[in-house]
Structures are given as C-alpha cells and as structure tokens.
C-alpha cells in the first residue's frame, strides 16, 4: 500500500511539473509584453527649440550642431505645417499651414548651425527647399524635396517675441510667409517672399 501511494505521488508531481513547463513560456512572454514601454514620439514647438538653442549659442559663440524633432505652427491661422506628400509634379511635398493634428506629415527635424539652419521632413527624409526658380505666385515655394544642402536649403530661425519665430531663406533673404489669401490646395502655402514681418510671417 505504501509503495503504491509513493508511486502515485511521484506521478502526480511529474504531471504538475510538466504543466508548469508548458505554462512558463506563456507567463514569461506576457510579463515581457507588459514590461515593454509603448513607443512614443514627442515633438516640441519650433519656437521652444529656437529660444533654447539661440540662447545657448550666444554663450557658446559657436555652432551647436543640435538637431531636434519639432512641429511648425502658423501664428496667423493656428494650423500645423504639413508636407503634402500626396501632391505630384512641381507641387510634391509643398509645405502648407493647414493641419489641426500632428501626424507623420507634420513632423520635422531642424538642425542649427552658426551660419545656417536646415529643415527636414521626417515623412520622406528630404530637406526643405525654397524654390527660387519658380515664378508668379509659386515663387520661393517651400518643398521637402532635396537630398543635399545647397543655397536653397539654408534658412535662419530667429525669435520674434514670446513663442514666436521667423523663418528666413538665406538664398534670397526673404521671410517665409503662410499664404492665407490663397485658395484650394494652395491655401496657406509657405513661400520665402516677405520683406517685412507681419502675422503671416510668424510661426511657433
């Protein structure tokens, strides 16, 4: 009787251990999944970054070489600037101040230097250019289309008050404007065309 009871106990223990071995990977995977943090992208406003970087540059007296993920918002209509990757031809990746929420097309990388700054669309990895070869109402349109830095890809960010930034094209020395007078798919197109600061030339 005792020997039979012992054999049953060993068998029971073996069964329990086998069950635990099956469950262990499931428990481990579940615990790992819960421990992994969710991926998140945090973008500051352009004005926050410009204020910080330019203040540091005055004390360092040298290029920071700093790059940051930012959103760009027009002061005039409070809309976020989008790179229109759905457009084709010469309008491809036109910058427009038209979005009400942040998505891939509204995220940019801005890099600061001692002599010029650059803007890159994170959606397509292209540098923003001021199209000085365009004419009429499209002159100096901003488009995220360049793969290398040239004169048309060089800008300068400057503070214009609390939470306010200007964007100047160094290629033609003009301030970037959000063309709120345009209609349709050109509404709030960004162009480097202004010689004086007004509401359309203010960003944050």
Protein backbone atom coordinates (compact mmCIF):
# COMPACT_ATOMS: atom_id res chain seq x y z
CA UNK A 1 0.00 0.00 0.00
CA UNK A 2 2.75 2.44 0.95
CA UNK A 3 4.78 1.72 -2.17
CA UNK A 4 1.71 2.19 -4.39
CA UNK A 5 0.93 5.54 -2.71
CA UNK A 6 4.51 6.69 -3.28
CA UNK A 7 4.29 5.84 -7.00
CA UNK A 8 1.06 7.83 -7.32
CA UNK A 9 2.62 10.83 -5.57
CA UNK A 10 5.64 10.83 -7.89
CA UNK A 11 3.38 10.58 -10.93
CA UNK A 12 1.28 13.47 -9.69
CA UNK A 13 4.33 15.61 -9.12
CA UNK A 14 5.64 14.79 -12.61
CA UNK A 15 2.31 15.83 -14.12
CA UNK A 16 2.33 19.12 -12.23
CA UNK A 17 5.91 19.88 -13.30
CA UNK A 18 5.06 19.16 -16.93
CA UNK A 19 2.13 21.53 -16.73
CA UNK A 20 4.31 24.27 -15.29
CA UNK A 21 6.85 23.78 -18.08
CA UNK A 22 4.11 24.35 -20.66
CA UNK A 23 2.79 27.43 -18.88
CA UNK A 24 6.17 29.03 -18.17
CA UNK A 25 6.85 30.43 -21.68
CA UNK A 26 3.34 31.93 -21.81
CA UNK A 27 3.77 33.65 -18.47
CA UNK A 28 7.22 34.89 -19.40
CA UNK A 29 6.05 36.32 -22.74
CA UNK A 30 3.11 38.02 -21.04
CA UNK A 31 5.33 39.58 -18.40
CA UNK A 32 7.77 40.79 -21.05
CA UNK A 33 4.97 42.35 -23.10
CA UNK A 34 3.67 44.26 -20.10
CA UNK A 35 7.12 45.49 -19.17
CA UNK A 36 7.87 46.92 -22.64
CA UNK A 37 7.02 50.64 -22.82
CA UNK A 38 4.88 51.87 -25.67
CA UNK A 39 6.76 53.77 -28.37
CA UNK A 40 6.02 57.48 -28.41
CA UNK A 41 7.19 60.47 -30.42
CA UNK A 42 7.44 63.77 -28.62
CA UNK A 43 7.82 66.88 -30.72
CA UNK A 44 8.40 70.34 -29.28
CA UNK A 45 7.28 73.51 -30.99
CA UNK A 46 9.79 75.26 -33.23
CA UNK A 47 9.65 78.38 -31.04
CA UNK A 48 10.59 76.40 -27.90
CA UNK A 49 13.65 74.92 -29.60
CA UNK A 50 14.77 78.16 -31.26
CA UNK A 51 14.63 80.08 -27.99
CA UNK A 52 16.71 77.41 -26.25
CA UNK A 53 19.31 76.90 -28.98
CA UNK A 54 19.84 80.55 -29.85
CA UNK A 55 20.23 81.43 -26.16
CA UNK A 56 22.90 78.75 -25.79
CA UNK A 57 24.65 79.87 -28.97
CA UNK A 58 25.12 83.41 -27.64
CA UNK A 59 27.07 81.99 -24.71
CA UNK A 60 29.00 79.37 -26.68
CA UNK A 61 29.71 81.66 -29.66
CA UNK A 62 29.80 78.59 -31.91
CA UNK A 63 27.54 76.29 -33.86
CA UNK A 64 25.69 73.85 -31.68
CA UNK A 65 25.13 71.27 -34.37
CA UNK A 66 21.95 70.40 -32.49
CA UNK A 67 19.04 68.69 -34.24
CA UNK A 68 15.52 68.35 -32.83
CA UNK A 69 12.14 66.93 -33.78
CA UNK A 70 9.62 69.76 -34.00
CA UNK A 71 6.24 70.83 -35.23
CA UNK A 72 5.79 74.16 -37.00
CA UNK A 73 2.59 76.13 -36.50
CA UNK A 74 1.43 79.29 -38.23
CA UNK A 75 0.56 82.08 -35.82
CA UNK A 76 -1.90 83.55 -38.31
CA UNK A 77 -4.30 80.59 -38.56
CA UNK A 78 -3.01 78.35 -35.73
CA UNK A 79 -2.58 75.43 -38.16
CA UNK A 80 0.32 73.00 -38.24
CA UNK A 81 2.59 72.95 -41.28
CA UNK A 82 2.25 69.79 -43.39
CA UNK A 83 4.49 68.42 -46.15
CA UNK A 84 2.00 67.49 -48.87
CA UNK A 85 3.41 64.14 -49.97
CA UNK A 86 0.19 63.36 -51.81
CA UNK A 87 0.82 66.15 -54.33
CA UNK A 88 2.59 65.45 -57.60
CA UNK A 89 4.96 67.16 -60.01
CA UNK A 90 6.33 70.53 -59.02
CA UNK A 91 3.96 70.71 -56.05
CA UNK A 92 5.22 67.48 -54.46
CA UNK A 93 5.85 67.92 -50.72
CA UNK A 94 4.73 71.55 -50.72
CA UNK A 95 4.63 72.97 -47.18
CA UNK A 96 1.21 74.29 -46.10
CA UNK A 97 -0.13 75.51 -42.75
CA UNK A 98 -3.35 73.53 -42.82
CA UNK A 99 -3.34 70.63 -40.29
CA UNK A 100 -5.22 70.54 -36.98
CA UNK A 101 -3.49 67.44 -35.57
CA UNK A 102 0.04 66.02 -35.60
CA UNK A 103 0.68 63.16 -37.99
CA UNK A 104 3.75 61.95 -39.94
CA UNK A 105 3.48 64.83 -42.42
CA UNK A 106 3.65 67.41 -39.61
CA UNK A 107 6.95 66.28 -38.06
CA UNK A 108 10.28 67.88 -38.99
CA UNK A 109 13.89 67.71 -37.94
CA UNK A 110 15.53 71.12 -37.60
CA UNK A 111 19.30 71.37 -37.33
CA UNK A 112 21.05 74.51 -36.12
CA UNK A 113 24.42 75.90 -37.15
CA UNK A 114 26.42 79.07 -36.73
CA UNK A 115 25.72 80.26 -40.29
CA UNK A 116 22.55 78.47 -41.39
CA UNK A 117 19.76 76.13 -40.25
CA UNK A 118 18.05 73.30 -42.12
CA UNK A 119 14.57 71.76 -42.09
CA UNK A 120 13.96 68.12 -43.00
CA UNK A 121 10.60 66.40 -43.35
CA UNK A 122 10.57 63.24 -41.27
CA UNK A 123 7.86 61.81 -43.51
CA UNK A 124 10.11 61.49 -46.58
CA UNK A 125 13.57 62.32 -45.23
CA UNK A 126 14.00 65.23 -47.66
CA UNK A 127 15.37 68.70 -46.93
CA UNK A 128 13.10 71.70 -47.36
CA UNK A 129 13.99 73.94 -50.31
CA UNK A 130 12.88 77.45 -51.25
CA UNK A 131 12.04 77.12 -54.96
CA UNK A 132 13.58 80.32 -56.30
CA UNK A 133 13.30 79.02 -59.84
CA UNK A 134 9.50 79.12 -59.71
CA UNK A 135 7.60 82.19 -60.93
CA UNK A 136 4.47 84.14 -60.10
CA UNK A 137 2.52 83.07 -57.04
CA UNK A 138 4.67 79.96 -56.63
CA UNK A 139 7.93 81.88 -56.36
CA UNK A 140 10.06 80.58 -53.46
CA UNK A 141 7.52 77.91 -52.50
CA UNK A 142 8.84 75.68 -49.70
CA UNK A 143 9.02 71.99 -50.63
CA UNK A 144 10.54 68.97 -48.85
CA UNK A 145 12.33 67.53 -51.87
CA UNK A 146 16.15 67.95 -51.63
CA UNK A 147 18.68 65.23 -50.79
CA UNK A 148 21.63 67.55 -50.14
CA UNK A 149 22.17 71.02 -48.68
CA UNK A 150 22.63 73.80 -51.21
CA UNK A 151 21.84 77.54 -51.14
CA UNK A 152 18.08 76.94 -51.42
CA UNK A 153 18.09 74.63 -48.38
CA UNK A 154 19.64 77.15 -46.00
CA UNK A 155 17.39 79.04 -43.57
CA UNK A 156 17.72 81.08 -40.40
CA UNK A 157 15.40 80.89 -37.41
CA UNK A 158 15.04 83.95 -35.20
CA UNK A 159 12.84 84.87 -32.26
CA UNK A 160 10.11 87.46 -32.84
CA UNK A 161 8.82 87.55 -29.26
CA UNK A 162 7.46 85.08 -26.76
CA UNK A 163 6.54 81.86 -28.55
CA UNK A 164 7.17 83.47 -31.94
CA UNK A 165 9.72 82.53 -34.60
CA UNK A 166 10.56 83.78 -38.08
CA UNK A 167 11.99 81.60 -40.83
CA UNK A 168 14.24 83.38 -43.32
CA UNK A 169 15.58 81.92 -46.56
CA UNK A 170 19.26 82.75 -46.82
CA UNK A 171 19.10 82.24 -50.60
CA UNK A 172 17.01 85.37 -51.20
CA UNK A 173 16.99 86.93 -47.70
CA UNK A 174 13.18 86.83 -47.58
CA UNK A 175 10.95 85.84 -44.67
CA UNK A 176 8.73 82.80 -45.07
CA UNK A 177 5.01 83.60 -45.27
CA UNK A 178 1.92 81.39 -44.91
CA UNK A 179 -0.24 82.46 -47.87
CA UNK A 180 -3.65 82.59 -46.20
CA UNK A 181 -5.04 84.50 -49.17
CA UNK A 182 -4.61 81.50 -51.47
CA UNK A 183 -7.45 79.03 -52.02
CA UNK A 184 -7.95 75.34 -52.63
CA UNK A 185 -4.91 73.09 -52.47
CA UNK A 186 -2.60 76.11 -52.30
CA UNK A 187 -4.20 77.52 -49.14
CA UNK A 188 -1.56 78.59 -46.60
CA UNK A 189 1.33 77.57 -48.85
CA UNK A 190 4.69 78.57 -47.34
CA UNK A 191 6.79 80.91 -49.52
CA UNK A 192 10.01 82.82 -48.83
CA UNK A 193 8.84 86.14 -50.25
CA UNK A 194 8.25 88.75 -47.49
CA UNK A 195 10.50 91.74 -46.76
CA UNK A 196 8.72 92.80 -43.54
CA UNK A 197 7.29 90.97 -40.54
CA UNK A 198 3.53 90.60 -40.34
CA UNK A 199 1.10 87.98 -38.96
CA UNK A 200 1.67 85.63 -41.91
CA UNK A 201 5.41 85.56 -41.19
CA UNK A 202 5.06 84.44 -37.56
CA UNK A 203 5.43 80.79 -36.56
CA UNK A 204 5.73 78.80 -33.38
